[in-house]
Amino acid sequence: FENTRFPIYGGLLHPRGGSARHDAVAWGYARGADQRGV
């Protein structure tokens, strides 16, 4: 917060944003599609 070149004035908080495990997303959809005959 003491950076004089790029002082932090504030921020925009998006509480519902976040992250997920990328490869698990692929595996989950792959498993779901396969179970339905794809």
Full PDB file with SEQRES, HELIX, SHEET, SSBOND, CRYST1, ORIGX, SCALE, CONECT and MASTER records, all heavy atoms in Angstrom:
SEQRES   1 A   38  PHE GLU ASN THR ARG PHE PRO ILE TYR GLY GLY LEU LEU          
SEQRES   2 A   38  HIS PRO ARG GLY GLY SER ALA ARG HIS ASP ALA VAL ALA          
SEQRES   3 A   38  TRP GLY TYR ALA ARG GLY ALA ASP GLN ARG GLY VAL              
HELIX    1 AA1 HIS A   22  GLN A   35  1                                  14    
CRYST1    1.000    1.000    1.000  90.00  90.00  90.00 P 1           1          
ORIGX1      1.000000  0.000000  0.000000        0.00000                         
ORIGX2      0.000000  1.000000  0.000000        0.00000                         
ORIGX3      0.000000  0.000000  1.000000        0.00000                         
SCALE1      1.000000  0.000000  0.000000        0.00000                         
SCALE2      0.000000  1.000000  0.000000        0.00000                         
SCALE3      0.000000  0.000000  1.000000        0.00000                         
ATOM      1  N   PHE A   1       0.821  -1.212   0.000  1.00  0.00           N  
ATOM      2  CA  PHE A   1       0.000   0.000   0.000  1.00  0.00           C  
ATOM      3  C   PHE A   1       0.859   1.268   0.000  1.00  0.00           C  
ATOM      4  O   PHE A   1       0.324   2.369  -0.091  1.00  0.00           O  
ATOM      5  CB  PHE A   1      -0.934   0.000   1.212  1.00  0.00           C  
ATOM      6  CG  PHE A   1      -2.064  -0.983   1.096  1.00  0.00           C  
ATOM      7  CD1 PHE A   1      -1.917  -2.290   1.528  1.00  0.00           C  
ATOM      8  CD2 PHE A   1      -3.274  -0.618   0.536  1.00  0.00           C  
ATOM      9  CE1 PHE A   1      -2.944  -3.212   1.418  1.00  0.00           C  
ATOM     10  CE2 PHE A   1      -4.320  -1.526   0.407  1.00  0.00           C  
ATOM     11  CZ  PHE A   1      -4.155  -2.820   0.853  1.00  0.00           C  
ATOM     12  N   GLU A   2       2.158   1.114   0.104  1.00  0.00           N  
ATOM     13  CA  GLU A   2       3.048   2.282   0.128  1.00  0.00           C  
ATOM     14  C   GLU A   2       3.685   2.536  -1.241  1.00  0.00           C  
ATOM     15  O   GLU A   2       4.547   3.401  -1.369  1.00  0.00           O  
ATOM     16  CB  GLU A   2       4.151   2.080   1.183  1.00  0.00           C  
ATOM     17  CG  GLU A   2       3.641   1.709   2.571  1.00  0.00           C  
ATOM     18  CD  GLU A   2       2.565   2.663   3.068  1.00  0.00           C  
ATOM     19  OE1 GLU A   2       2.731   3.886   2.892  1.00  0.00           O  
ATOM     20  OE2 GLU A   2       1.546   2.190   3.606  1.00  0.00           O  
ATOM     21  N   ASN A   3       3.266   1.806  -2.246  1.00  0.00           N  
ATOM     22  CA  ASN A   3       3.825   1.975  -3.585  1.00  0.00           C  
ATOM     23  C   ASN A   3       3.420   3.343  -4.138  1.00  0.00           C  
ATOM     24  O   ASN A   3       2.239   3.631  -4.302  1.00  0.00           O  
ATOM     25  CB  ASN A   3       3.308   0.851  -4.496  1.00  0.00           C  
ATOM     26  CG  ASN A   3       3.999   0.822  -5.846  1.00  0.00           C  
ATOM     27  OD1 ASN A   3       4.143   1.842  -6.512  1.00  0.00           O  
ATOM     28  ND2 ASN A   3       4.426  -0.365  -6.249  1.00  0.00           N  
ATOM     29  N   THR A   4       4.385   4.196  -4.408  1.00  0.00           N  
ATOM     30  CA  THR A   4       4.076   5.556  -4.851  1.00  0.00           C  
ATOM     31  C   THR A   4       3.826   5.650  -6.349  1.00  0.00           C  
ATOM     32  O   THR A   4       3.182   6.587  -6.815  1.00  0.00           O  
ATOM     33  CB  THR A   4       5.221   6.511  -4.478  1.00  0.00           C  
ATOM     34  OG1 THR A   4       6.446   5.997  -5.003  1.00  0.00           O  
ATOM     35  CG2 THR A   4       5.335   6.659  -2.976  1.00  0.00           C  
ATOM     36  N   ARG A   5       4.338   4.687  -7.098  1.00  0.00           N  
ATOM     37  CA  ARG A   5       4.117   4.720  -8.546  1.00  0.00           C  
ATOM     38  C   ARG A   5       2.718   4.237  -8.900  1.00  0.00           C  
ATOM     39  O   ARG A   5       2.051   4.819  -9.754  1.00  0.00           O  
ATOM     40  CB  ARG A   5       5.164   3.853  -9.251  1.00  0.00           C  
ATOM     41  CG  ARG A   5       5.093   3.961 -10.767  1.00  0.00           C  
ATOM     42  CD  ARG A   5       6.133   3.076 -11.432  1.00  0.00           C  
ATOM     43  NE  ARG A   5       6.086   3.204 -12.890  1.00  0.00           N  
ATOM     44  CZ  ARG A   5       6.687   2.371 -13.715  1.00  0.00           C  
ATOM     45  NH1 ARG A   5       7.389   1.344 -13.240  1.00  0.00           N  
ATOM     46  NH2 ARG A   5       6.608   2.546 -15.023  1.00  0.00           N  
ATOM     47  N   PHE A   6       2.252   3.178  -8.251  1.00  0.00           N  
ATOM     48  CA  PHE A   6       0.929   2.622  -8.508  1.00  0.00           C  
ATOM     49  C   PHE A   6       0.148   2.545  -7.189  1.00  0.00           C  
ATOM     50  O   PHE A   6      -0.067   1.451  -6.655  1.00  0.00           O  
ATOM     51  CB  PHE A   6       1.029   1.223  -9.132  1.00  0.00           C  
ATOM     52  CG  PHE A   6       1.828   1.172 -10.403  1.00  0.00           C  
ATOM     53  CD1 PHE A   6       2.917   0.326 -10.527  1.00  0.00           C  
ATOM     54  CD2 PHE A   6       1.483   1.974 -11.483  1.00  0.00           C  
ATOM     55  CE1 PHE A   6       3.654   0.277 -11.701  1.00  0.00           C  
ATOM     56  CE2 PHE A   6       2.210   1.930 -12.653  1.00  0.00           C  
ATOM     57  CZ  PHE A   6       3.306   1.081 -12.775  1.00  0.00           C  
ATOM     58  N   PRO A   7      -0.259   3.675  -6.626  1.00  0.00           N  
ATOM     59  CA  PRO A   7      -0.969   3.638  -5.340  1.00  0.00           C  
ATOM     60  C   PRO A   7      -2.301   2.913  -5.465  1.00  0.00           C  
ATOM     61  O   PRO A   7      -2.992   3.016  -6.483  1.00  0.00           O  
ATOM     62  CB  PRO A   7      -1.182   5.123  -5.020  1.00  0.00           C  
ATOM     63  CG  PRO A   7      -1.141   5.809  -6.345  1.00  0.00           C  
ATOM     64  CD  PRO A   7      -0.155   5.044  -7.173  1.00  0.00           C  
ATOM     65  N   ILE A   8      -2.648   2.153  -4.444  1.00  0.00           N  
ATOM     66  CA  ILE A   8      -3.922   1.428  -4.449  1.00  0.00           C  
ATOM     67  C   ILE A   8      -5.010   2.364  -3.940  1.00  0.00           C  
ATOM     68  O   ILE A   8      -5.014   2.756  -2.776  1.00  0.00           O  
ATOM     69  CB  ILE A   8      -3.821   0.156  -3.579  1.00  0.00           C  
ATOM     70  CG1 ILE A   8      -2.807  -0.815  -4.183  1.00  0.00           C  
ATOM     71  CG2 ILE A   8      -5.197  -0.511  -3.449  1.00  0.00           C  
ATOM     72  CD1 ILE A   8      -2.500  -2.023  -3.302  1.00  0.00           C  
ATOM     73  N   TYR A   9      -5.936   2.731  -4.829  1.00  0.00           N  
ATOM     74  CA  TYR A   9      -7.049   3.608  -4.455  1.00  0.00           C  
ATOM     75  C   TYR A   9      -8.222   2.808  -3.868  1.00  0.00           C  
ATOM     76  O   TYR A   9      -8.995   3.328  -3.085  1.00  0.00           O  
ATOM     77  CB  TYR A   9      -7.545   4.384  -5.669  1.00  0.00           C  
ATOM     78  CG  TYR A   9      -6.748   5.615  -6.014  1.00  0.00           C  
ATOM     79  CD1 TYR A   9      -5.358   5.591  -6.025  1.00  0.00           C  
ATOM     80  CD2 TYR A   9      -7.391   6.804  -6.342  1.00  0.00           C  
ATOM     81  CE1 TYR A   9      -4.619   6.718  -6.357  1.00  0.00           C  
ATOM     82  CE2 TYR A   9      -6.669   7.941  -6.672  1.00  0.00           C  
ATOM     83  CZ  TYR A   9      -5.280   7.894  -6.680  1.00  0.00           C  
ATOM     84  OH  TYR A   9      -4.568   9.019  -7.001  1.00  0.00           O  
ATOM     85  N   GLY A  10      -8.357   1.565  -4.304  1.00  0.00           N  
ATOM     86  CA  GLY A  10      -9.475   0.737  -3.858  1.00  0.00           C  
ATOM     87  C   GLY A  10      -9.626  -0.455  -4.771  1.00  0.00           C  
ATOM     88  O   GLY A  10      -8.691  -0.824  -5.508  1.00  0.00           O  
ATOM     89  N   GLY A  11     -10.800  -1.077  -4.753  1.00  0.00           N  
ATOM     90  CA  GLY A  11     -11.035  -2.247  -5.587  1.00  0.00           C  
ATOM     91  C   GLY A  11     -12.509  -2.526  -5.760  1.00  0.00           C  
ATOM     92  O   GLY A  11     -13.352  -2.023  -5.009  1.00  0.00           O  
ATOM     93  N   LEU A  12     -12.825  -3.307  -6.775  1.00  0.00           N  
ATOM     94  CA  LEU A  12     -14.198  -3.760  -7.003  1.00  0.00           C  
ATOM     95  C   LEU A  12     -14.277  -5.226  -6.604  1.00  0.00           C  
ATOM     96  O   LEU A  12     -13.605  -6.074  -7.193  1.00  0.00           O  
ATOM     97  CB  LEU A  12     -14.589  -3.587  -8.471  1.00  0.00           C  
ATOM     98  CG  LEU A  12     -16.036  -3.958  -8.816  1.00  0.00           C  
ATOM     99  CD1 LEU A  12     -17.022  -3.017  -8.138  1.00  0.00           C  
ATOM    100  CD2 LEU A  12     -16.267  -3.964 -10.331  1.00  0.00           C  
ATOM    101  N   LEU A  13     -15.073  -5.515  -5.598  1.00  0.00           N  
ATOM    102  CA  LEU A  13     -15.239  -6.880  -5.086  1.00  0.00           C  
ATOM    103  C   LEU A  13     -16.430  -7.545  -5.761  1.00  0.00           C  
ATOM    104  O   LEU A  13     -17.525  -6.975  -5.801  1.00  0.00           O  
ATOM    105  CB  LEU A  13     -15.436  -6.845  -3.565  1.00  0.00           C  
ATOM    106  CG  LEU A  13     -15.839  -8.166  -2.887  1.00  0.00           C  
ATOM    107  CD1 LEU A  13     -14.749  -9.223  -3.052  1.00  0.00           C  
ATOM    108  CD2 LEU A  13     -16.149  -7.931  -1.407  1.00  0.00           C  
ATOM    109  N   HIS A  14     -16.203  -8.721  -6.299  1.00  0.00           N  
ATOM    110  CA  HIS A  14     -17.253  -9.554  -6.913  1.00  0.00           C  
ATOM    111  C   HIS A  14     -17.358 -10.816  -6.045  1.00  0.00           C  
ATOM    112  O   HIS A  14     -16.668 -11.808  -6.294  1.00  0.00           O  
ATOM    113  CB  HIS A  14     -16.841  -9.873  -8.351  1.00  0.00           C  
ATOM    114  CG  HIS A  14     -17.748 -10.802  -9.087  1.00  0.00           C  
ATOM    115  ND1 HIS A  14     -19.090 -10.937  -8.821  1.00  0.00           N  
ATOM    116  CD2 HIS A  14     -17.489 -11.654 -10.129  1.00  0.00           C  
ATOM    117  CE1 HIS A  14     -19.612 -11.810  -9.643  1.00  0.00           C  
ATOM    118  NE2 HIS A  14     -18.664 -12.272 -10.440  1.00  0.00           N  
ATOM    119  N   PRO A  15     -18.194 -10.789  -4.993  1.00  0.00           N  
ATOM    120  CA  PRO A  15     -18.176 -11.881  -3.996  1.00  0.00           C  
ATOM    121  C   PRO A  15     -18.484 -13.264  -4.555  1.00  0.00           C  
ATOM    122  O   PRO A  15     -17.962 -14.264  -4.048  1.00  0.00           O  
ATOM    123  CB  PRO A  15     -19.244 -11.447  -2.984  1.00  0.00           C  
ATOM    124  CG  PRO A  15     -19.330  -9.962  -3.127  1.00  0.00           C  
ATOM    125  CD  PRO A  15     -19.096  -9.702  -4.584  1.00  0.00           C  
ATOM    126  N   ARG A  16     -19.325 -13.365  -5.590  1.00  0.00           N  
ATOM    127  CA  ARG A  16     -19.693 -14.677  -6.116  1.00  0.00           C  
ATOM    128  C   ARG A  16     -18.660 -15.223  -7.098  1.00  0.00           C  
ATOM    129  O   ARG A  16     -18.761 -16.371  -7.531  1.00  0.00           O  
ATOM    130  CB  ARG A  16     -21.056 -14.610  -6.802  1.00  0.00           C  
ATOM    131  CG  ARG A  16     -22.218 -14.471  -5.819  1.00  0.00           C  
ATOM    132  CD  ARG A  16     -23.512 -14.131  -6.528  1.00  0.00           C  
ATOM    133  NE  ARG A  16     -23.894 -15.143  -7.491  1.00  0.00           N  
ATOM    134  CZ  ARG A  16     -24.500 -14.868  -8.659  1.00  0.00           C  
ATOM    135  NH1 ARG A  16     -24.735 -13.621  -8.994  1.00  0.00           N  
ATOM    136  NH2 ARG A  16     -24.844 -15.845  -9.468  1.00  0.00           N  
ATOM    137  N   GLY A  17     -17.675 -14.416  -7.449  1.00  0.00           N  
ATOM    138  CA  GLY A  17     -16.608 -14.902  -8.309  1.00  0.00           C  
ATOM    139  C   GLY A  17     -15.665 -15.808  -7.532  1.00  0.00           C  
ATOM    140  O   GLY A  17     -15.726 -15.910  -6.305  1.00  0.00           O  
ATOM    141  N   GLY A  18     -14.775 -16.457  -8.239  1.00  0.00           N  
ATOM    142  CA  GLY A  18     -13.836 -17.346  -7.555  1.00  0.00           C  
ATOM    143  C   GLY A  18     -13.054 -18.187  -8.532  1.00  0.00           C  
ATOM    144  O   GLY A  18     -12.613 -17.708  -9.579  1.00  0.00           O  
ATOM    145  N   SER A  19     -12.896 -19.455  -8.209  1.00  0.00           N  
ATOM    146  CA  SER A  19     -12.096 -20.345  -9.043  1.00  0.00           C  
ATOM    147  C   SER A  19     -12.652 -21.759  -8.964  1.00  0.00           C  
ATOM    148  O   SER A  19     -13.557 -22.053  -8.171  1.00  0.00           O  
ATOM    149  CB  SER A  19     -10.622 -20.332  -8.605  1.00  0.00           C  
ATOM    150  OG  SER A  19     -10.503 -20.840  -7.283  1.00  0.00           O  
ATOM    151  N   ALA A  20     -12.128 -22.629  -9.793  1.00  0.00           N  
ATOM    152  CA  ALA A  20     -12.491 -24.051  -9.788  1.00  0.00           C  
ATOM    153  C   ALA A  20     -11.278 -24.831 -10.274  1.00  0.00           C  
ATOM    154  O   ALA A  20     -10.340 -24.260 -10.832  1.00  0.00           O  
ATOM    155  CB  ALA A  20     -13.692 -24.316 -10.687  1.00  0.00           C  
ATOM    156  N   ARG A  21     -11.283 -26.126 -10.048  1.00  0.00           N  
ATOM    157  CA  ARG A  21     -10.167 -26.953 -10.527  1.00  0.00           C  
ATOM    158  C   ARG A  21     -10.412 -27.296 -11.994  1.00  0.00           C  
ATOM    159  O   ARG A  21     -11.389 -27.990 -12.331  1.00  0.00           O  
ATOM    160  CB  ARG A  21     -10.037 -28.220  -9.698  1.00  0.00           C  
ATOM    161  CG  ARG A  21      -8.860 -29.059 -10.158  1.00  0.00           C  
ATOM    162  CD  ARG A  21      -8.570 -30.240  -9.265  1.00  0.00           C  
ATOM    163  NE  ARG A  21      -7.526 -31.062  -9.858  1.00  0.00           N  
ATOM    164  CZ  ARG A  21      -7.015 -32.152  -9.302  1.00  0.00           C  
ATOM    165  NH1 ARG A  21      -7.434 -32.535  -8.115  1.00  0.00           N  
ATOM    166  NH2 ARG A  21      -6.083 -32.844  -9.910  1.00  0.00           N  
ATOM    167  N   HIS A  22      -9.535 -26.818 -12.875  1.00  0.00           N  
ATOM    168  CA  HIS A  22      -9.804 -26.873 -14.307  1.00  0.00           C  
ATOM    169  C   HIS A  22      -9.955 -28.290 -14.843  1.00  0.00           C  
ATOM    170  O   HIS A  22     -10.918 -28.592 -15.566  1.00  0.00           O  
ATOM    171  CB  HIS A  22      -8.714 -26.127 -15.081  1.00  0.00           C  
ATOM    172  CG  HIS A  22      -7.313 -26.475 -14.674  1.00  0.00           C  
ATOM    173  ND1 HIS A  22      -6.636 -27.529 -15.210  1.00  0.00           N  
ATOM    174  CD2 HIS A  22      -6.470 -25.894 -13.788  1.00  0.00           C  
ATOM    175  CE1 HIS A  22      -5.429 -27.586 -14.683  1.00  0.00           C  
ATOM    176  NE2 HIS A  22      -5.296 -26.603 -13.808  1.00  0.00           N  
ATOM    177  N   ASP A  23      -9.025 -29.189 -14.504  1.00  0.00           N  
ATOM    178  CA  ASP A  23      -9.114 -30.532 -15.077  1.00  0.00           C  
ATOM    179  C   ASP A  23     -10.311 -31.301 -14.514  1.00  0.00           C  
ATOM    180  O   ASP A  23     -10.924 -32.119 -15.213  1.00  0.00           O  
ATOM    181  CB  ASP A  23      -7.819 -31.332 -14.888  1.00  0.00           C  
ATOM    182  CG  ASP A  23      -7.183 -31.137 -13.526  1.00  0.00           C  
ATOM    183  OD1 ASP A  23      -7.845 -30.580 -12.627  1.00  0.00           O  
ATOM    184  OD2 ASP A  23      -6.017 -31.536 -13.359  1.00  0.00           O  
ATOM    185  N   ALA A  24     -10.706 -31.019 -13.266  1.00  0.00           N  
ATOM    186  CA  ALA A  24     -11.873 -31.690 -12.691  1.00  0.00           C  
ATOM    187  C   ALA A  24     -13.153 -31.295 -13.424  1.00  0.00           C  
ATOM    188  O   ALA A  24     -14.095 -32.096 -13.508  1.00  0.00           O  
ATOM    189  CB  ALA A  24     -11.995 -31.356 -11.201  1.00  0.00           C  
ATOM    190  N   VAL A  25     -13.196 -30.088 -13.964  1.00  0.00           N  
ATOM    191  CA  VAL A  25     -14.359 -29.663 -14.751  1.00  0.00           C  
ATOM    192  C   VAL A  25     -14.473 -30.520 -16.010  1.00  0.00           C  
ATOM    193  O   VAL A  25     -15.554 -31.014 -16.361  1.00  0.00           O  
ATOM    194  CB  VAL A  25     -14.257 -28.164 -15.111  1.00  0.00           C  
ATOM    195  CG1 VAL A  25     -15.405 -27.746 -16.026  1.00  0.00           C  
ATOM    196  CG2 VAL A  25     -14.250 -27.315 -13.848  1.00  0.00           C  
ATOM    197  N   ALA A  26     -13.334 -30.729 -16.685  1.00  0.00           N  
ATOM    198  CA  ALA A  26     -13.336 -31.593 -17.870  1.00  0.00           C  
ATOM    199  C   ALA A  26     -13.744 -33.012 -17.499  1.00  0.00           C  
ATOM    200  O   ALA A  26     -14.579 -33.637 -18.173  1.00  0.00           O  
ATOM    201  CB  ALA A  26     -11.951 -31.590 -18.524  1.00  0.00           C  
ATOM    202  N   TRP A  27     -13.190 -33.528 -16.409  1.00  0.00           N  
ATOM    203  CA  TRP A  27     -13.511 -34.904 -16.008  1.00  0.00           C  
ATOM    204  C   TRP A  27     -14.990 -35.042 -15.630  1.00  0.00           C  
ATOM    205  O   TRP A  27     -15.623 -36.043 -15.964  1.00  0.00           O  
ATOM    206  CB  TRP A  27     -12.634 -35.316 -14.820  1.00  0.00           C  
ATOM    207  CG  TRP A  27     -11.165 -35.283 -15.110  1.00  0.00           C  
ATOM    208  CD1 TRP A  27     -10.557 -35.373 -16.340  1.00  0.00           C  
ATOM    209  CD2 TRP A  27     -10.113 -35.132 -14.152  1.00  0.00           C  
ATOM    210  NE1 TRP A  27      -9.193 -35.282 -16.202  1.00  0.00           N  
ATOM    211  CE2 TRP A  27      -8.886 -35.133 -14.874  1.00  0.00           C  
ATOM    212  CE3 TRP A  27     -10.071 -34.993 -12.768  1.00  0.00           C  
ATOM    213  CZ2 TRP A  27      -7.651 -35.007 -14.252  1.00  0.00           C  
ATOM    214  CZ3 TRP A  27      -8.835 -34.865 -12.147  1.00  0.00           C  
ATOM    215  CH2 TRP A  27      -7.637 -34.876 -12.878  1.00  0.00           C  
ATOM    216  N   GLY A  28     -15.528 -34.060 -14.948  1.00  0.00           N  
ATOM    217  CA  GLY A  28     -16.929 -34.120 -14.544  1.00  0.00           C  
ATOM    218  C   GLY A  28     -17.861 -34.152 -15.736  1.00  0.00           C  
ATOM    219  O   GLY A  28     -18.810 -34.960 -15.794  1.00  0.00           O  
ATOM    220  N   TYR A  29     -17.614 -33.265 -16.703  1.00  0.00           N  
ATOM    221  CA  TYR A  29     -18.462 -33.255 -17.910  1.00  0.00           C  
ATOM    222  C   TYR A  29     -18.252 -34.527 -18.731  1.00  0.00           C  
ATOM    223  O   TYR A  29     -19.211 -35.073 -19.304  1.00  0.00           O  
ATOM    224  CB  TYR A  29     -18.163 -32.026 -18.760  1.00  0.00           C  
ATOM    225  CG  TYR A  29     -18.959 -30.805 -18.358  1.00  0.00           C  
ATOM    226  CD1 TYR A  29     -18.335 -29.645 -17.923  1.00  0.00           C  
ATOM    227  CD2 TYR A  29     -20.351 -30.804 -18.417  1.00  0.00           C  
ATOM    228  CE1 TYR A  29     -19.069 -28.521 -17.555  1.00  0.00           C  
ATOM    229  CE2 TYR A  29     -21.096 -29.687 -18.054  1.00  0.00           C  
ATOM    230  CZ  TYR A  29     -20.446 -28.551 -17.622  1.00  0.00           C  
ATOM    231  OH  TYR A  29     -21.176 -27.448 -17.258  1.00  0.00           O  
ATOM    232  N   ALA A  30     -17.004 -35.007 -18.802  1.00  0.00           N  
ATOM    233  CA  ALA A  30     -16.737 -36.239 -19.556  1.00  0.00           C  
ATOM    234  C   ALA A  30     -17.492 -37.416 -18.935  1.00  0.00           C  
ATOM    235  O   ALA A  30     -18.133 -38.204 -19.642  1.00  0.00           O  
ATOM    236  CB  ALA A  30     -15.233 -36.517 -19.571  1.00  0.00           C  
ATOM    237  N   ARG A  31     -17.426 -37.522 -17.629  1.00  0.00           N  
ATOM    238  CA  ARG A  31     -18.125 -38.608 -16.927  1.00  0.00           C  
ATOM    239  C   ARG A  31     -19.637 -38.516 -17.132  1.00  0.00           C  
ATOM    240  O   ARG A  31     -20.299 -39.514 -17.425  1.00  0.00           O  
ATOM    241  CB  ARG A  31     -17.774 -38.537 -15.443  1.00  0.00           C  
ATOM    242  CG  ARG A  31     -18.527 -39.499 -14.542  1.00  0.00           C  
ATOM    243  CD  ARG A  31     -17.989 -39.378 -13.121  1.00  0.00           C  
ATOM    244  NE  ARG A  31     -18.788 -40.121 -12.167  1.00  0.00           N  
ATOM    245  CZ  ARG A  31     -19.818 -39.617 -11.497  1.00  0.00           C  
ATOM    246  NH1 ARG A  31     -20.182 -38.362 -11.695  1.00  0.00           N  
ATOM    247  NH2 ARG A  31     -20.492 -40.363 -10.641  1.00  0.00           N  
ATOM    248  N   GLY A  32     -20.180 -37.290 -17.009  1.00  0.00           N  
ATOM    249  CA  GLY A  32     -21.619 -37.108 -17.182  1.00  0.00           C  
ATOM    250  C   GLY A  32     -22.085 -37.425 -18.590  1.00  0.00           C  
ATOM    251  O   GLY A  32     -23.145 -38.031 -18.785  1.00  0.00           O  
ATOM    252  N   ALA A  33     -21.299 -37.008 -19.594  1.00  0.00           N  
ATOM    253  CA  ALA A  33     -21.661 -37.291 -20.982  1.00  0.00           C  
ATOM    254  C   ALA A  33     -21.581 -38.783 -21.263  1.00  0.00           C  
ATOM    255  O   ALA A  33     -22.474 -39.369 -21.900  1.00  0.00           O  
ATOM    256  CB  ALA A  33     -20.743 -36.510 -21.924  1.00  0.00           C  
ATOM    257  N   ASP A  34     -20.515 -39.425 -20.786  1.00  0.00           N  
ATOM    258  CA  ASP A  34     -20.343 -40.862 -21.005  1.00  0.00           C  
ATOM    259  C   ASP A  34     -21.482 -41.662 -20.381  1.00  0.00           C  
ATOM    260  O   ASP A  34     -21.987 -42.618 -20.985  1.00  0.00           O  
ATOM    261  CB  ASP A  34     -18.998 -41.297 -20.427  1.00  0.00           C  
ATOM    262  CG  ASP A  34     -18.763 -42.787 -20.558  1.00  0.00           C  
ATOM    263  OD1 ASP A  34     -18.350 -43.224 -21.647  1.00  0.00           O  
ATOM    264  OD2 ASP A  34     -19.021 -43.515 -19.577  1.00  0.00           O  
ATOM    265  N   GLN A  35     -21.910 -41.273 -19.197  1.00  0.00           N  
ATOM    266  CA  GLN A  35     -23.004 -41.980 -18.534  1.00  0.00           C  
ATOM    267  C   GLN A  35     -24.308 -41.900 -19.321  1.00  0.00           C  
ATOM    268  O   GLN A  35     -25.183 -42.741 -19.157  1.00  0.00           O  
ATOM    269  CB  GLN A  35     -23.217 -41.409 -17.129  1.00  0.00           C  
ATOM    270  CG  GLN A  35     -22.125 -41.775 -16.146  1.00  0.00           C  
ATOM    271  CD  GLN A  35     -22.331 -41.136 -14.785  1.00  0.00           C  
ATOM    272  OE1 GLN A  35     -23.031 -40.123 -14.643  1.00  0.00           O  
ATOM    273  NE2 GLN A  35     -21.708 -41.691 -13.761  1.00  0.00           N  
ATOM    274  N   ARG A  36     -24.428 -40.884 -20.176  1.00  0.00           N  
ATOM    275  CA  ARG A  36     -25.634 -40.714 -20.991  1.00  0.00           C  
ATOM    276  C   ARG A  36     -25.468 -41.253 -22.400  1.00  0.00           C  
ATOM    277  O   ARG A  36     -26.292 -40.992 -23.274  1.00  0.00           O  
ATOM    278  CB  ARG A  36     -26.030 -39.237 -21.008  1.00  0.00           C  
ATOM    279  CG  ARG A  36     -26.613 -38.792 -19.673  1.00  0.00           C  
ATOM    280  CD  ARG A  36     -26.679 -37.275 -19.523  1.00  0.00           C  
ATOM    281  NE  ARG A  36     -27.393 -36.919 -18.290  1.00  0.00           N  
ATOM    282  CZ  ARG A  36     -26.857 -36.941 -17.078  1.00  0.00           C  
ATOM    283  NH1 ARG A  36     -25.595 -37.307 -16.937  1.00  0.00           N  
ATOM    284  NH2 ARG A  36     -27.568 -36.616 -16.018  1.00  0.00           N  
ATOM    285  N   GLY A  37     -24.386 -41.997 -22.644  1.00  0.00           N  
ATOM    286  CA  GLY A  37     -24.222 -42.699 -23.909  1.00  0.00           C  
ATOM    287  C   GLY A  37     -23.359 -42.025 -24.944  1.00  0.00           C  
ATOM    288  O   GLY A  37     -23.210 -42.521 -26.065  1.00  0.00           O  
ATOM    289  N   VAL A  38     -22.770 -40.871 -24.618  1.00  0.00           N  
ATOM    290  CA  VAL A  38     -21.891 -40.179 -25.561  1.00  0.00           C  
ATOM    291  C   VAL A  38     -20.566 -40.931 -25.672  1.00  0.00           C  
ATOM    292  O   VAL A  38     -20.009 -41.388 -24.669  1.00  0.00           O  
ATOM    293  CB  VAL A  38     -21.646 -38.730 -25.087  1.00  0.00           C  
ATOM    294  CG1 VAL A  38     -20.600 -38.036 -25.958  1.00  0.00           C  
ATOM    295  CG2 VAL A  38     -22.950 -37.947 -25.086  1.00  0.00           C  
TER     296      VAL A  38                                                      
MASTER        0    0    0    1    0    0    0    6  295    1    0    3          
END                                                                             
